């Protein structure tokens, strides 16, 4: 399974020059906890999270209307292309203190976002399907079916 198959394609964006207040308002309106900060060519240049806004703006007592996203975002986010298997995303996420990876095309343009939560949900669904198969094929289940069919 490739990263492109499970990534979210509708990504909420931010401009590096917009204010922290504008970004927070967008997060509230869209009910999201992060925005991918992009340049004019839609290349990811940063990520800003609700936690970043709390810690780097509010707790630092900065004015959210005059503080630019450029000054509080996490710059230079690691990204991943669409084609590698999911293990690639896990490997990158394990290597750093972050939970989200921008997904980019061959030109480095943003095409999606994959989060640790996305990967865990995918794994949980697949483990559930495997558990159902194991339960269905367990010796006691097979024996019960055979006994019923024999009667």
N, C-alpha and C. Protein backbone atom coordinates (compact mmCIF):
# COMPACT_ATOMS: atom_id res chain seq x y z
N UNK A 1 0.85 -1.17 0.00
CA UNK A 1 0.00 0.00 0.00
C UNK A 1 0.90 1.24 0.00
N UNK A 2 0.61 2.14 -0.90
CA UNK A 2 1.43 3.35 -1.02
C UNK A 2 0.86 4.48 -0.16
N UNK A 3 1.71 5.41 0.17
CA UNK A 3 1.33 6.57 0.97
C UNK A 3 0.22 7.36 0.27
N UNK A 4 0.32 7.47 -1.05
CA UNK A 4 -0.67 8.22 -1.81
C UNK A 4 -2.08 7.65 -1.70
N UNK A 5 -2.21 6.37 -1.37
CA UNK A 5 -3.52 5.74 -1.27
C UNK A 5 -4.26 6.13 0.01
N UNK A 6 -3.52 6.51 1.07
CA UNK A 6 -4.22 6.82 2.32
C UNK A 6 -4.09 8.28 2.75
N UNK A 7 -3.26 9.05 2.07
CA UNK A 7 -3.08 10.44 2.51
C UNK A 7 -4.36 11.25 2.26
N UNK A 8 -4.51 12.29 3.05
CA UNK A 8 -5.63 13.22 2.89
C UNK A 8 -5.26 14.18 1.76
N UNK A 9 -6.14 14.31 0.78
CA UNK A 9 -5.85 15.16 -0.38
C UNK A 9 -6.32 16.60 -0.19
N UNK A 10 -7.26 16.81 0.68
CA UNK A 10 -7.77 18.15 0.94
C UNK A 10 -7.02 18.70 2.16
N UNK A 11 -6.01 19.50 1.89
CA UNK A 11 -5.12 19.99 2.94
C UNK A 11 -5.37 21.47 3.17
N UNK A 12 -5.48 21.85 4.43
CA UNK A 12 -5.65 23.25 4.77
C UNK A 12 -4.28 23.93 4.78
N UNK A 13 -4.20 25.08 4.12
CA UNK A 13 -2.93 25.76 3.87
C UNK A 13 -2.83 27.08 4.63
N UNK A 14 -1.59 27.53 4.75
CA UNK A 14 -1.32 28.85 5.31
C UNK A 14 -0.23 29.51 4.48
N UNK A 15 -0.27 30.83 4.47
CA UNK A 15 0.74 31.65 3.82
C UNK A 15 1.73 32.08 4.90
N UNK A 16 3.02 32.03 4.64
CA UNK A 16 4.00 32.42 5.68
C UNK A 16 3.81 33.84 6.19
N UNK A 17 3.23 34.72 5.38
CA UNK A 17 3.10 36.13 5.77
C UNK A 17 1.80 36.43 6.53
N UNK A 18 0.87 35.48 6.58
CA UNK A 18 -0.38 35.77 7.28
C UNK A 18 -0.16 35.76 8.78
N UNK A 19 -1.13 36.32 9.49
CA UNK A 19 -0.99 36.44 10.94
C UNK A 19 -1.36 35.13 11.65
N UNK A 20 -0.85 34.99 12.84
CA UNK A 20 -1.21 33.83 13.67
C UNK A 20 -2.71 33.82 13.92
N UNK A 21 -3.29 34.99 14.08
CA UNK A 21 -4.74 35.07 14.30
C UNK A 21 -5.50 34.52 13.10
N UNK A 22 -5.09 34.88 11.88
CA UNK A 22 -5.75 34.37 10.68
C UNK A 22 -5.64 32.85 10.60
N UNK A 23 -4.47 32.33 10.91
CA UNK A 23 -4.27 30.88 10.88
C UNK A 23 -5.14 30.19 11.93
N UNK A 24 -5.19 30.76 13.12
CA UNK A 24 -6.00 30.17 14.19
C UNK A 24 -7.48 30.19 13.81
N UNK A 25 -7.91 31.28 13.20
CA UNK A 25 -9.31 31.39 12.76
C UNK A 25 -9.62 30.33 11.70
N UNK A 26 -8.70 30.12 10.77
CA UNK A 26 -8.91 29.09 9.73
C UNK A 26 -8.98 27.70 10.37
N UNK A 27 -8.09 27.44 11.33
CA UNK A 27 -8.13 26.15 12.03
C UNK A 27 -9.48 25.95 12.71
N UNK A 28 -9.97 26.99 13.35
CA UNK A 28 -11.27 26.90 14.03
C UNK A 28 -12.39 26.65 13.04
N UNK A 29 -12.42 27.39 11.96
CA UNK A 29 -13.48 27.25 10.96
C UNK A 29 -13.48 25.86 10.31
N UNK A 30 -12.30 25.34 10.06
CA UNK A 30 -12.18 24.05 9.36
C UNK A 30 -12.09 22.86 10.32
N UNK A 31 -12.03 23.15 11.62
CA UNK A 31 -11.92 22.09 12.64
C UNK A 31 -10.70 21.21 12.40
N UNK A 32 -9.54 21.86 12.20
CA UNK A 32 -8.28 21.15 12.02
C UNK A 32 -7.28 21.65 13.04
N UNK A 33 -6.25 20.85 13.29
CA UNK A 33 -5.24 21.22 14.27
C UNK A 33 -3.93 21.64 13.67
N UNK A 34 -3.86 21.66 12.33
CA UNK A 34 -2.60 22.07 11.69
C UNK A 34 -2.88 22.62 10.30
N UNK A 35 -1.93 23.43 9.85
CA UNK A 35 -1.95 23.98 8.49
C UNK A 35 -0.57 23.76 7.90
N UNK A 36 -0.55 23.39 6.62
CA UNK A 36 0.73 23.29 5.92
C UNK A 36 1.02 24.67 5.33
N UNK A 37 2.17 25.20 5.64
CA UNK A 37 2.59 26.51 5.15
C UNK A 37 3.30 26.29 3.82
N UNK A 38 2.82 26.97 2.77
CA UNK A 38 3.36 26.77 1.44
C UNK A 38 3.85 28.08 0.84
N UNK A 39 4.78 27.94 -0.12
CA UNK A 39 5.24 29.12 -0.86
C UNK A 39 4.33 29.34 -2.07
N UNK A 40 4.68 30.28 -2.92
CA UNK A 40 3.85 30.62 -4.08
C UNK A 40 3.71 29.46 -5.06
N UNK A 41 4.64 28.51 -5.04
CA UNK A 41 4.58 27.35 -5.94
C UNK A 41 3.95 26.13 -5.29
N UNK A 42 3.35 26.31 -4.14
CA UNK A 42 2.69 25.24 -3.37
C UNK A 42 3.70 24.19 -2.88
N UNK A 43 4.91 24.61 -2.62
CA UNK A 43 5.90 23.74 -1.98
C UNK A 43 5.78 23.93 -0.47
N UNK A 44 5.74 22.86 0.30
CA UNK A 44 5.67 23.02 1.76
C UNK A 44 6.94 23.66 2.31
N UNK A 45 6.78 24.72 3.07
CA UNK A 45 7.92 25.39 3.70
C UNK A 45 7.83 25.34 5.22
N UNK A 46 6.70 24.88 5.73
CA UNK A 46 6.53 24.79 7.17
C UNK A 46 5.21 24.15 7.53
N UNK A 47 5.06 23.90 8.81
CA UNK A 47 3.79 23.43 9.36
C UNK A 47 3.56 24.23 10.62
N UNK A 48 2.31 24.64 10.83
CA UNK A 48 1.93 25.32 12.06
C UNK A 48 0.77 24.54 12.66
N UNK A 49 0.88 24.27 13.95
CA UNK A 49 -0.16 23.52 14.64
C UNK A 49 -0.83 24.41 15.69
N UNK A 50 -1.95 23.94 16.19
CA UNK A 50 -2.62 24.67 17.25
C UNK A 50 -1.71 24.77 18.48
N UNK A 51 -0.93 23.74 18.70
CA UNK A 51 0.01 23.76 19.82
C UNK A 51 1.10 24.83 19.61
N UNK A 52 1.58 24.95 18.37
CA UNK A 52 2.56 26.00 18.06
C UNK A 52 1.99 27.38 18.40
N UNK A 53 0.73 27.59 18.05
CA UNK A 53 0.11 28.90 18.31
C UNK A 53 -0.02 29.17 19.80
N UNK A 54 -0.36 28.13 20.55
CA UNK A 54 -0.46 28.31 22.01
C UNK A 54 0.91 28.59 22.61
N UNK A 55 1.88 27.75 22.29
CA UNK A 55 3.20 27.87 22.92
C UNK A 55 4.02 29.05 22.41
N UNK A 56 3.98 29.28 21.09
CA UNK A 56 4.87 30.27 20.49
C UNK A 56 4.26 31.66 20.35
N UNK A 57 2.93 31.75 20.50
CA UNK A 57 2.28 33.05 20.40
C UNK A 57 1.65 33.42 21.74
N UNK A 58 0.64 32.67 22.15
CA UNK A 58 -0.09 33.03 23.37
C UNK A 58 0.78 32.96 24.62
N UNK A 59 1.45 31.83 24.84
CA UNK A 59 2.27 31.69 26.05
C UNK A 59 3.47 32.64 26.04
N UNK A 60 3.91 33.00 24.84
CA UNK A 60 5.03 33.95 24.72
C UNK A 60 4.54 35.41 24.78
N UNK A 61 3.22 35.58 24.94
CA UNK A 61 2.58 36.89 25.04
C UNK A 61 2.83 37.77 23.83
N UNK A 62 2.81 37.14 22.63
CA UNK A 62 2.92 37.89 21.38
C UNK A 62 1.52 38.27 20.90
N UNK A 63 1.45 39.32 20.13
CA UNK A 63 0.18 39.75 19.57
C UNK A 63 -0.16 38.85 18.37
N UNK A 64 -1.23 38.06 18.45
CA UNK A 64 -1.54 37.14 17.36
C UNK A 64 -1.90 37.84 16.05
N UNK A 65 -2.34 39.09 16.12
CA UNK A 65 -2.70 39.81 14.89
C UNK A 65 -1.47 40.35 14.16
N UNK A 66 -0.37 40.54 14.87
CA UNK A 66 0.83 41.07 14.21
C UNK A 66 1.94 40.02 14.08
N UNK A 67 1.79 38.88 14.71
CA UNK A 67 2.80 37.83 14.61
C UNK A 67 2.55 37.02 13.34
N UNK A 68 3.57 36.94 12.51
CA UNK A 68 3.43 36.20 11.24
C UNK A 68 3.64 34.70 11.46
N UNK A 69 2.99 33.93 10.64
CA UNK A 69 3.16 32.47 10.68
C UNK A 69 4.63 32.11 10.45
N UNK A 70 5.29 32.84 9.58
CA UNK A 70 6.71 32.60 9.30
C UNK A 70 7.54 32.57 10.58
N UNK A 71 7.14 33.37 11.57
CA UNK A 71 7.91 33.49 12.80
C UNK A 71 7.59 32.41 13.84
N UNK A 72 6.51 31.66 13.65
CA UNK A 72 6.12 30.67 14.66
C UNK A 72 5.92 29.26 14.11
N UNK A 73 6.00 29.10 12.81
CA UNK A 73 5.82 27.77 12.21
C UNK A 73 7.06 26.91 12.47
N UNK A 74 6.89 25.62 12.29
CA UNK A 74 8.04 24.72 12.28
C UNK A 74 8.51 24.70 10.83
N UNK A 75 9.70 25.26 10.56
CA UNK A 75 10.16 25.38 9.17
C UNK A 75 10.73 24.06 8.63
N UNK A 76 10.78 23.99 7.30
CA UNK A 76 11.43 22.87 6.63
C UNK A 76 10.89 21.51 6.99
N UNK A 77 9.59 21.30 6.85
CA UNK A 77 9.05 19.99 7.24
C UNK A 77 9.58 18.87 6.37
N UNK A 78 9.79 17.72 6.98
CA UNK A 78 10.12 16.54 6.19
C UNK A 78 8.90 16.21 5.36
N UNK A 79 9.11 15.73 4.16
CA UNK A 79 7.99 15.35 3.31
C UNK A 79 8.26 13.98 2.72
N UNK A 80 7.27 13.44 2.07
CA UNK A 80 7.36 12.12 1.47
C UNK A 80 6.59 12.15 0.16
N UNK A 81 7.04 11.37 -0.81
CA UNK A 81 6.30 11.31 -2.07
C UNK A 81 5.16 10.32 -1.96
N UNK A 82 4.31 10.29 -2.96
CA UNK A 82 3.11 9.46 -2.94
C UNK A 82 3.38 7.97 -3.12
N UNK A 83 4.43 7.62 -3.84
CA UNK A 83 4.60 6.24 -4.28
C UNK A 83 5.21 5.27 -3.29
N UNK A 84 6.05 5.68 -2.34
CA UNK A 84 6.64 4.68 -1.44
C UNK A 84 5.58 3.97 -0.59
N UNK A 85 5.94 2.81 -0.06
CA UNK A 85 5.01 2.11 0.83
C UNK A 85 4.87 2.84 2.16
N UNK A 86 3.84 2.48 2.90
CA UNK A 86 3.55 3.12 4.18
C UNK A 86 4.71 3.05 5.16
N UNK A 87 5.51 2.01 5.05
CA UNK A 87 6.66 1.87 5.94
C UNK A 87 7.60 3.06 5.85
N UNK A 88 7.67 3.67 4.68
CA UNK A 88 8.52 4.86 4.51
C UNK A 88 8.04 6.00 5.40
N UNK A 89 6.73 6.19 5.44
CA UNK A 89 6.18 7.25 6.28
C UNK A 89 6.44 6.95 7.76
N UNK A 90 6.25 5.68 8.16
CA UNK A 90 6.54 5.30 9.55
C UNK A 90 8.00 5.59 9.89
N UNK A 91 8.89 5.25 8.99
CA UNK A 91 10.31 5.45 9.22
C UNK A 91 10.64 6.93 9.43
N UNK A 92 10.08 7.78 8.59
CA UNK A 92 10.32 9.22 8.72
C UNK A 92 9.72 9.75 10.02
N UNK A 93 8.50 9.33 10.34
CA UNK A 93 7.86 9.80 11.57
C UNK A 93 8.63 9.36 12.81
N UNK A 94 9.20 8.17 12.77
CA UNK A 94 9.99 7.69 13.91
C UNK A 94 11.28 8.50 14.07
N UNK A 95 11.76 9.10 13.00
CA UNK A 95 13.06 9.79 13.05
C UNK A 95 12.98 11.20 13.64
N UNK A 96 11.78 11.71 13.86
CA UNK A 96 11.69 13.08 14.35
C UNK A 96 10.50 13.29 15.26
N UNK A 97 10.44 14.44 15.88
CA UNK A 97 9.36 14.73 16.82
C UNK A 97 8.15 15.37 16.14
N UNK A 98 7.57 14.68 15.18
CA UNK A 98 6.41 15.23 14.48
C UNK A 98 5.42 14.13 14.15
N UNK A 99 4.20 14.54 13.87
CA UNK A 99 3.10 13.58 13.64
C UNK A 99 2.51 13.68 12.23
N UNK A 100 2.96 14.66 11.45
CA UNK A 100 2.38 14.87 10.12
C UNK A 100 3.47 15.02 9.09
N UNK A 101 3.19 14.49 7.89
CA UNK A 101 4.14 14.60 6.78
C UNK A 101 3.42 15.13 5.55
N UNK A 102 3.89 16.24 4.99
CA UNK A 102 3.35 16.65 3.70
C UNK A 102 3.70 15.58 2.65
N UNK A 103 2.76 15.32 1.78
CA UNK A 103 2.97 14.39 0.66
C UNK A 103 3.13 15.26 -0.59
N UNK A 104 4.21 15.02 -1.32
CA UNK A 104 4.53 15.87 -2.47
C UNK A 104 4.63 15.04 -3.74
N UNK A 105 4.47 15.72 -4.88
CA UNK A 105 4.65 15.06 -6.17
C UNK A 105 6.11 15.11 -6.56
N UNK A 106 6.41 14.69 -7.78
CA UNK A 106 7.81 14.64 -8.24
C UNK A 106 8.47 16.02 -8.31
N UNK A 107 7.67 17.08 -8.38
CA UNK A 107 8.21 18.44 -8.44
C UNK A 107 8.27 19.11 -7.07
N UNK A 108 7.90 18.36 -6.03
CA UNK A 108 7.93 18.90 -4.68
C UNK A 108 6.70 19.70 -4.29
N UNK A 109 5.66 19.65 -5.12
CA UNK A 109 4.42 20.37 -4.81
C UNK A 109 3.55 19.53 -3.89
N UNK A 110 2.90 20.22 -2.98
CA UNK A 110 2.03 19.56 -2.01
C UNK A 110 0.84 18.92 -2.71
N UNK A 111 0.60 17.64 -2.43
CA UNK A 111 -0.56 16.94 -2.98
C UNK A 111 -1.41 16.30 -1.88
N UNK A 112 -0.89 16.27 -0.66
CA UNK A 112 -1.63 15.65 0.43
C UNK A 112 -0.89 15.77 1.75
N UNK A 113 -1.47 15.13 2.74
CA UNK A 113 -0.89 15.12 4.07
C UNK A 113 -1.18 13.76 4.68
N UNK A 114 -0.18 13.15 5.28
CA UNK A 114 -0.38 11.89 5.99
C UNK A 114 0.05 12.11 7.43
N UNK A 115 -0.76 11.61 8.34
CA UNK A 115 -0.45 11.78 9.76
C UNK A 115 -0.25 10.41 10.40
N UNK A 116 0.34 10.44 11.56
CA UNK A 116 0.49 9.21 12.33
C UNK A 116 -0.88 8.60 12.58
N UNK A 117 -1.86 9.43 12.85
CA UNK A 117 -3.23 8.93 13.07
C UNK A 117 -3.75 8.20 11.84
N UNK A 118 -3.50 8.75 10.64
CA UNK A 118 -3.94 8.09 9.40
C UNK A 118 -3.34 6.69 9.30
N UNK A 119 -2.05 6.59 9.60
CA UNK A 119 -1.37 5.31 9.51
C UNK A 119 -1.89 4.33 10.55
N UNK A 120 -2.14 4.80 11.75
CA UNK A 120 -2.65 3.92 12.80
C UNK A 120 -4.07 3.45 12.50
N UNK A 121 -4.91 4.31 11.96
CA UNK A 121 -6.27 3.91 11.58
C UNK A 121 -6.21 2.85 10.49
N UNK A 122 -5.34 3.05 9.50
CA UNK A 122 -5.20 2.06 8.43
C UNK A 122 -4.76 0.71 9.01
N UNK A 123 -3.79 0.75 9.93
CA UNK A 123 -3.31 -0.50 10.54
C UNK A 123 -4.43 -1.16 11.35
N UNK A 124 -5.17 -0.39 12.10
CA UNK A 124 -6.24 -0.95 12.93
C UNK A 124 -7.29 -1.64 12.06
N UNK A 125 -7.68 -1.03 10.95
CA UNK A 125 -8.66 -1.65 10.05
C UNK A 125 -8.13 -2.97 9.51
N UNK A 126 -6.87 -2.97 9.13
CA UNK A 126 -6.29 -4.19 8.57
C UNK A 126 -6.12 -5.27 9.63
N UNK A 127 -5.72 -4.89 10.84
CA UNK A 127 -5.62 -5.88 11.92
C UNK A 127 -6.99 -6.46 12.24
N UNK A 128 -8.03 -5.63 12.20
CA UNK A 128 -9.38 -6.12 12.47
C UNK A 128 -9.79 -7.15 11.42
N UNK A 129 -9.49 -6.88 10.16
CA UNK A 129 -9.82 -7.83 9.10
C UNK A 129 -9.06 -9.14 9.28
N UNK A 130 -7.80 -9.06 9.67
CA UNK A 130 -7.01 -10.27 9.92
C UNK A 130 -7.59 -11.03 11.10
N UNK A 131 -8.00 -10.32 12.15
CA UNK A 131 -8.59 -10.97 13.33
C UNK A 131 -9.87 -11.70 12.95
N UNK A 132 -10.69 -11.09 12.10
CA UNK A 132 -11.92 -11.75 11.64
C UNK A 132 -11.59 -13.03 10.87
N UNK A 133 -10.60 -12.96 10.02
CA UNK A 133 -10.18 -14.14 9.26
C UNK A 133 -9.69 -15.24 10.20
N UNK A 134 -8.86 -14.87 11.16
CA UNK A 134 -8.34 -15.85 12.11
C UNK A 134 -9.47 -16.49 12.92
N UNK A 135 -10.42 -15.67 13.34
CA UNK A 135 -11.55 -16.18 14.10
C UNK A 135 -12.38 -17.14 13.25
N UNK A 136 -12.60 -16.77 12.01
CA UNK A 136 -13.39 -17.59 11.10
C UNK A 136 -12.70 -18.92 10.79
N UNK A 137 -11.37 -18.90 10.76
CA UNK A 137 -10.61 -20.09 10.40
C UNK A 137 -10.02 -20.82 11.60
N UNK A 138 -10.38 -20.42 12.81
CA UNK A 138 -9.88 -21.09 14.02
C UNK A 138 -10.41 -22.52 14.06
N UNK A 139 -9.63 -23.45 14.59
CA UNK A 139 -10.06 -24.86 14.65
C UNK A 139 -11.42 -25.05 15.31
N UNK A 140 -11.71 -24.30 16.38
CA UNK A 140 -13.00 -24.48 17.05
C UNK A 140 -14.16 -24.00 16.17
N UNK A 141 -13.94 -22.94 15.42
CA UNK A 141 -14.98 -22.44 14.52
C UNK A 141 -15.20 -23.41 13.37
N UNK A 142 -14.11 -23.93 12.82
CA UNK A 142 -14.23 -24.91 11.73
C UNK A 142 -14.93 -26.17 12.24
N UNK A 143 -14.55 -26.63 13.43
CA UNK A 143 -15.18 -27.82 14.01
C UNK A 143 -16.67 -27.62 14.22
N UNK A 144 -17.07 -26.44 14.70
CA UNK A 144 -18.48 -26.15 14.91
C UNK A 144 -19.24 -26.15 13.60
N UNK A 145 -18.65 -25.60 12.55
CA UNK A 145 -19.31 -25.60 11.23
C UNK A 145 -19.44 -27.01 10.70
N UNK A 146 -18.41 -27.81 10.87
CA UNK A 146 -18.40 -29.18 10.38
C UNK A 146 -19.44 -30.01 11.11
N UNK A 147 -19.56 -29.83 12.42
CA UNK A 147 -20.53 -30.56 13.21
C UNK A 147 -21.94 -30.21 12.79
N UNK A 148 -22.21 -28.94 12.59
CA UNK A 148 -23.53 -28.51 12.16
C UNK A 148 -23.86 -29.05 10.79
N UNK A 149 -22.91 -29.02 9.87
CA UNK A 149 -23.14 -29.51 8.51
C UNK A 149 -23.33 -31.03 8.50
N UNK A 150 -22.66 -31.73 9.42
CA UNK A 150 -22.75 -33.18 9.47
C UNK A 150 -24.11 -33.64 9.96
N UNK A 151 -24.78 -32.84 10.79
CA UNK A 151 -26.10 -33.23 11.31
C UNK A 151 -27.10 -33.09 10.23
